[in-house]
Amino acid sequence: MRYFILVSSIVLLAGCALSPAQREAREAAHLQELARVCEKIGFAPGSEQNKECVVKLLAAEIAQPTIVDAPYRPIQTICNTVGKRVICHSF
């Protein structure tokens, strides 16, 4: 059974893998879409401003989200059972 699961998962992953040509075509289409977005903003096609806009959009996609700490500490709760009742205390 383990052998069957292992083989089927390998076959599934191999089927999902993209060839380098497919990956390159997908990336090229994505860059063209970003260039169209920059054109809609107002930058001329093929200009340096358009290229800078595309680079900034790619950088924004790649950037990690900022982790914001909560301005308050989490409320700690302790619950005890007394018979069939549950009594919780927050502090």
N, C-alpha and C. Protein backbone atom coordinates (compact mmCIF):
# COMPACT_ATOMS: atom_id res chain seq x y z
N MET A 1 0.82 -1.19 0.00
CA MET A 1 0.00 0.00 0.00
C MET A 1 0.87 1.26 0.00
N ARG A 2 1.94 1.26 0.80
CA ARG A 2 2.83 2.42 0.83
C ARG A 2 3.49 2.63 -0.53
N TYR A 3 3.86 1.54 -1.16
CA TYR A 3 4.50 1.63 -2.46
C TYR A 3 3.55 2.25 -3.47
N PHE A 4 2.29 1.85 -3.44
CA PHE A 4 1.28 2.39 -4.35
C PHE A 4 1.09 3.89 -4.14
N ILE A 5 1.01 4.32 -2.89
CA ILE A 5 0.85 5.75 -2.58
C ILE A 5 2.07 6.54 -3.04
N LEU A 6 3.26 6.00 -2.81
CA LEU A 6 4.48 6.67 -3.22
C LEU A 6 4.54 6.82 -4.73
N VAL A 7 4.28 5.75 -5.45
CA VAL A 7 4.34 5.79 -6.92
C VAL A 7 3.27 6.72 -7.47
N SER A 8 2.07 6.67 -6.93
CA SER A 8 1.00 7.53 -7.44
C SER A 8 1.29 8.99 -7.15
N SER A 9 1.89 9.31 -6.01
CA SER A 9 2.22 10.71 -5.72
C SER A 9 3.34 11.21 -6.62
N ILE A 10 4.31 10.37 -6.93
CA ILE A 10 5.39 10.76 -7.84
C ILE A 10 4.85 11.00 -9.25
N VAL A 11 3.96 10.12 -9.70
CA VAL A 11 3.35 10.28 -11.03
C VAL A 11 2.53 11.56 -11.08
N LEU A 12 1.80 11.85 -10.01
CA LEU A 12 0.99 13.07 -9.95
C LEU A 12 1.87 14.32 -9.99
N LEU A 13 2.94 14.33 -9.22
CA LEU A 13 3.83 15.48 -9.22
C LEU A 13 4.54 15.64 -10.55
N ALA A 14 4.92 14.55 -11.18
CA ALA A 14 5.58 14.63 -12.48
C ALA A 14 4.62 15.17 -13.54
N GLY A 15 3.36 14.83 -13.43
CA GLY A 15 2.37 15.34 -14.39
C GLY A 15 2.10 16.82 -14.22
N CYS A 16 2.27 17.33 -13.00
CA CYS A 16 2.01 18.75 -12.74
C CYS A 16 3.20 19.64 -13.07
N ALA A 17 4.36 19.07 -13.24
CA ALA A 17 5.56 19.87 -13.49
C ALA A 17 5.49 20.54 -14.87
N LEU A 18 5.98 21.78 -14.92
CA LEU A 18 5.99 22.52 -16.18
C LEU A 18 7.33 22.33 -16.87
N SER A 19 7.30 22.28 -18.17
CA SER A 19 8.54 22.24 -18.91
C SER A 19 9.13 23.65 -18.94
N PRO A 20 10.41 23.79 -19.20
CA PRO A 20 11.01 25.12 -19.24
C PRO A 20 10.36 26.03 -20.29
N ALA A 21 9.96 25.48 -21.42
CA ALA A 21 9.32 26.29 -22.46
C ALA A 21 7.96 26.81 -21.98
N GLN A 22 7.20 25.96 -21.29
CA GLN A 22 5.90 26.40 -20.76
C GLN A 22 6.08 27.47 -19.70
N ARG A 23 7.06 27.29 -18.83
CA ARG A 23 7.33 28.27 -17.78
C ARG A 23 7.74 29.61 -18.38
N GLU A 24 8.61 29.57 -19.41
CA GLU A 24 9.05 30.80 -20.06
C GLU A 24 7.89 31.51 -20.75
N ALA A 25 7.01 30.75 -21.39
CA ALA A 25 5.85 31.35 -22.05
C ALA A 25 4.92 32.00 -21.03
N ARG A 26 4.74 31.35 -19.88
CA ARG A 26 3.88 31.89 -18.83
C ARG A 26 4.47 33.18 -18.26
N GLU A 27 5.80 33.20 -18.04
CA GLU A 27 6.45 34.40 -17.52
C GLU A 27 6.39 35.54 -18.53
N ALA A 28 6.57 35.22 -19.81
CA ALA A 28 6.49 36.26 -20.85
C ALA A 28 5.10 36.85 -20.92
N ALA A 29 4.08 36.01 -20.82
CA ALA A 29 2.71 36.51 -20.82
C ALA A 29 2.44 37.38 -19.61
N HIS A 30 3.00 37.01 -18.47
CA HIS A 30 2.83 37.81 -17.26
C HIS A 30 3.50 39.18 -17.41
N LEU A 31 4.69 39.21 -17.98
CA LEU A 31 5.38 40.48 -18.20
C LEU A 31 4.61 41.36 -19.19
N GLN A 32 4.03 40.76 -20.22
CA GLN A 32 3.22 41.54 -21.16
C GLN A 32 1.99 42.11 -20.48
N GLU A 33 1.38 41.35 -19.60
CA GLU A 33 0.21 41.86 -18.86
C GLU A 33 0.60 43.02 -17.97
N LEU A 34 1.76 42.92 -17.30
CA LEU A 34 2.22 44.02 -16.47
C LEU A 34 2.53 45.25 -17.31
N ALA A 35 3.08 45.06 -18.51
CA ALA A 35 3.36 46.18 -19.41
C ALA A 35 2.05 46.85 -19.84
N ARG A 36 1.01 46.05 -20.07
CA ARG A 36 -0.30 46.62 -20.42
C ARG A 36 -0.88 47.43 -19.27
N VAL A 37 -0.68 46.94 -18.05
CA VAL A 37 -1.16 47.68 -16.88
C VAL A 37 -0.45 49.03 -16.80
N CYS A 38 0.85 49.03 -17.03
CA CYS A 38 1.60 50.28 -16.99
C CYS A 38 1.18 51.21 -18.12
N GLU A 39 0.82 50.66 -19.27
CA GLU A 39 0.33 51.49 -20.37
C GLU A 39 -1.00 52.14 -19.99
N LYS A 40 -1.86 51.39 -19.29
CA LYS A 40 -3.14 51.95 -18.86
C LYS A 40 -2.94 53.07 -17.85
N ILE A 41 -1.87 52.97 -17.05
CA ILE A 41 -1.59 54.03 -16.08
C ILE A 41 -1.19 55.31 -16.80
N GLY A 42 -0.54 55.16 -17.96
CA GLY A 42 -0.19 56.35 -18.72
C GLY A 42 1.23 56.37 -19.26
N PHE A 43 1.97 55.29 -19.08
CA PHE A 43 3.33 55.23 -19.61
C PHE A 43 3.32 54.71 -21.04
N ALA A 44 4.12 55.32 -21.90
CA ALA A 44 4.16 54.94 -23.31
C ALA A 44 4.76 53.54 -23.46
N PRO A 45 4.22 52.74 -24.40
CA PRO A 45 4.76 51.38 -24.58
C PRO A 45 6.23 51.41 -25.00
N GLY A 46 7.06 50.60 -24.35
CA GLY A 46 8.47 50.50 -24.68
C GLY A 46 9.34 51.59 -24.09
N SER A 47 8.78 52.52 -23.36
CA SER A 47 9.58 53.61 -22.79
C SER A 47 10.27 53.15 -21.52
N GLU A 48 11.23 53.94 -21.07
CA GLU A 48 11.95 53.61 -19.85
C GLU A 48 11.02 53.66 -18.63
N GLN A 49 10.07 54.60 -18.64
CA GLN A 49 9.12 54.69 -17.52
C GLN A 49 8.26 53.44 -17.44
N ASN A 50 7.88 52.91 -18.61
CA ASN A 50 7.08 51.68 -18.65
C ASN A 50 7.89 50.52 -18.07
N LYS A 51 9.15 50.43 -18.44
CA LYS A 51 10.00 49.34 -17.94
C LYS A 51 10.20 49.47 -16.43
N GLU A 52 10.38 50.70 -15.94
CA GLU A 52 10.52 50.91 -14.50
C GLU A 52 9.23 50.54 -13.77
N CYS A 53 8.10 50.86 -14.38
CA CYS A 53 6.80 50.51 -13.80
C CYS A 53 6.66 49.00 -13.69
N VAL A 54 7.06 48.26 -14.73
CA VAL A 54 6.98 46.80 -14.71
C VAL A 54 7.87 46.24 -13.60
N VAL A 55 9.08 46.79 -13.47
CA VAL A 55 10.00 46.31 -12.43
C VAL A 55 9.41 46.57 -11.05
N LYS A 56 8.80 47.74 -10.86
CA LYS A 56 8.20 48.05 -9.56
C LYS A 56 7.02 47.13 -9.25
N LEU A 57 6.22 46.82 -10.26
CA LEU A 57 5.10 45.90 -10.05
C LEU A 57 5.60 44.50 -9.71
N LEU A 58 6.65 44.04 -10.37
CA LEU A 58 7.23 42.73 -10.05
C LEU A 58 7.80 42.72 -8.64
N ALA A 59 8.47 43.82 -8.26
CA ALA A 59 9.03 43.90 -6.91
C ALA A 59 7.91 43.88 -5.86
N ALA A 60 6.79 44.52 -6.17
CA ALA A 60 5.67 44.52 -5.23
C ALA A 60 5.07 43.13 -5.10
N GLU A 61 5.06 42.35 -6.18
CA GLU A 61 4.55 40.98 -6.11
C GLU A 61 5.47 40.08 -5.29
N ILE A 62 6.76 40.32 -5.40
CA ILE A 62 7.74 39.45 -4.74
C ILE A 62 7.91 39.82 -3.26
N ALA A 63 7.68 41.08 -2.91
CA ALA A 63 7.93 41.57 -1.55
C ALA A 63 7.11 40.79 -0.53
N GLN A 64 7.72 40.54 0.59
CA GLN A 64 7.05 39.84 1.68
C GLN A 64 6.10 40.80 2.38
N PRO A 65 4.97 40.32 2.87
CA PRO A 65 4.07 41.20 3.60
C PRO A 65 4.69 41.63 4.92
N THR A 66 4.36 42.83 5.34
CA THR A 66 4.88 43.36 6.59
C THR A 66 4.11 42.73 7.76
N ILE A 67 4.84 42.27 8.73
CA ILE A 67 4.22 41.68 9.91
C ILE A 67 3.98 42.81 10.91
N VAL A 68 2.74 42.96 11.30
CA VAL A 68 2.37 44.02 12.23
C VAL A 68 2.03 43.38 13.57
N ASP A 69 2.65 43.88 14.63
CA ASP A 69 2.34 43.38 15.96
C ASP A 69 1.06 44.03 16.44
N ALA A 70 0.29 43.27 17.19
CA ALA A 70 -0.96 43.81 17.75
C ALA A 70 -0.61 44.85 18.81
N PRO A 71 -1.38 45.93 18.89
CA PRO A 71 -1.09 46.97 19.89
C PRO A 71 -1.47 46.54 21.30
N TYR A 72 -2.04 45.39 21.45
CA TYR A 72 -2.44 44.90 22.76
C TYR A 72 -1.99 43.45 22.89
N ARG A 73 -1.82 43.03 24.09
CA ARG A 73 -1.41 41.63 24.28
C ARG A 73 -2.65 40.74 24.26
N PRO A 74 -2.51 39.51 23.83
CA PRO A 74 -3.68 38.63 23.77
C PRO A 74 -4.23 38.34 25.17
N ILE A 75 -5.52 38.15 25.24
CA ILE A 75 -6.17 37.86 26.51
C ILE A 75 -5.96 36.37 26.82
N GLN A 76 -5.42 36.13 27.99
CA GLN A 76 -5.21 34.75 28.40
C GLN A 76 -6.43 34.27 29.18
N THR A 77 -6.85 33.07 28.88
CA THR A 77 -8.04 32.51 29.52
C THR A 77 -7.70 31.14 30.08
N ILE A 78 -8.11 30.93 31.32
CA ILE A 78 -7.96 29.62 31.95
C ILE A 78 -9.35 29.10 32.25
N CYS A 79 -9.64 27.89 31.80
CA CYS A 79 -10.95 27.28 32.03
C CYS A 79 -10.79 26.05 32.92
N ASN A 80 -11.68 25.91 33.87
CA ASN A 80 -11.71 24.76 34.76
C ASN A 80 -13.09 24.13 34.68
N THR A 81 -13.14 22.84 34.88
CA THR A 81 -14.44 22.17 34.93
C THR A 81 -14.77 21.84 36.37
N VAL A 82 -15.99 22.17 36.75
CA VAL A 82 -16.49 21.85 38.08
C VAL A 82 -17.78 21.07 37.86
N GLY A 83 -17.69 19.78 38.01
CA GLY A 83 -18.85 18.95 37.71
C GLY A 83 -19.14 19.01 36.22
N LYS A 84 -20.36 19.44 35.85
CA LYS A 84 -20.73 19.58 34.44
C LYS A 84 -20.55 21.01 33.96
N ARG A 85 -20.12 21.91 34.82
CA ARG A 85 -19.97 23.31 34.45
C ARG A 85 -18.52 23.62 34.08
N VAL A 86 -18.37 24.56 33.18
CA VAL A 86 -17.05 25.04 32.79
C VAL A 86 -16.96 26.50 33.22
N ILE A 87 -15.94 26.81 34.02
CA ILE A 87 -15.76 28.17 34.51
C ILE A 87 -14.46 28.69 33.92
N CYS A 88 -14.54 29.83 33.23
CA CYS A 88 -13.38 30.42 32.58
C CYS A 88 -13.05 31.76 33.24
N HIS A 89 -11.77 32.02 33.42
CA HIS A 89 -11.29 33.27 34.00
C HIS A 89 -10.33 33.91 33.00
N SER A 90 -10.58 35.15 32.67
CA SER A 90 -9.69 35.90 31.78
C SER A 90 -8.86 36.87 32.60
N PHE A 91 -7.60 36.99 32.27
CA PHE A 91 -6.74 37.95 32.96
C PHE A 91 -5.70 38.47 32.03
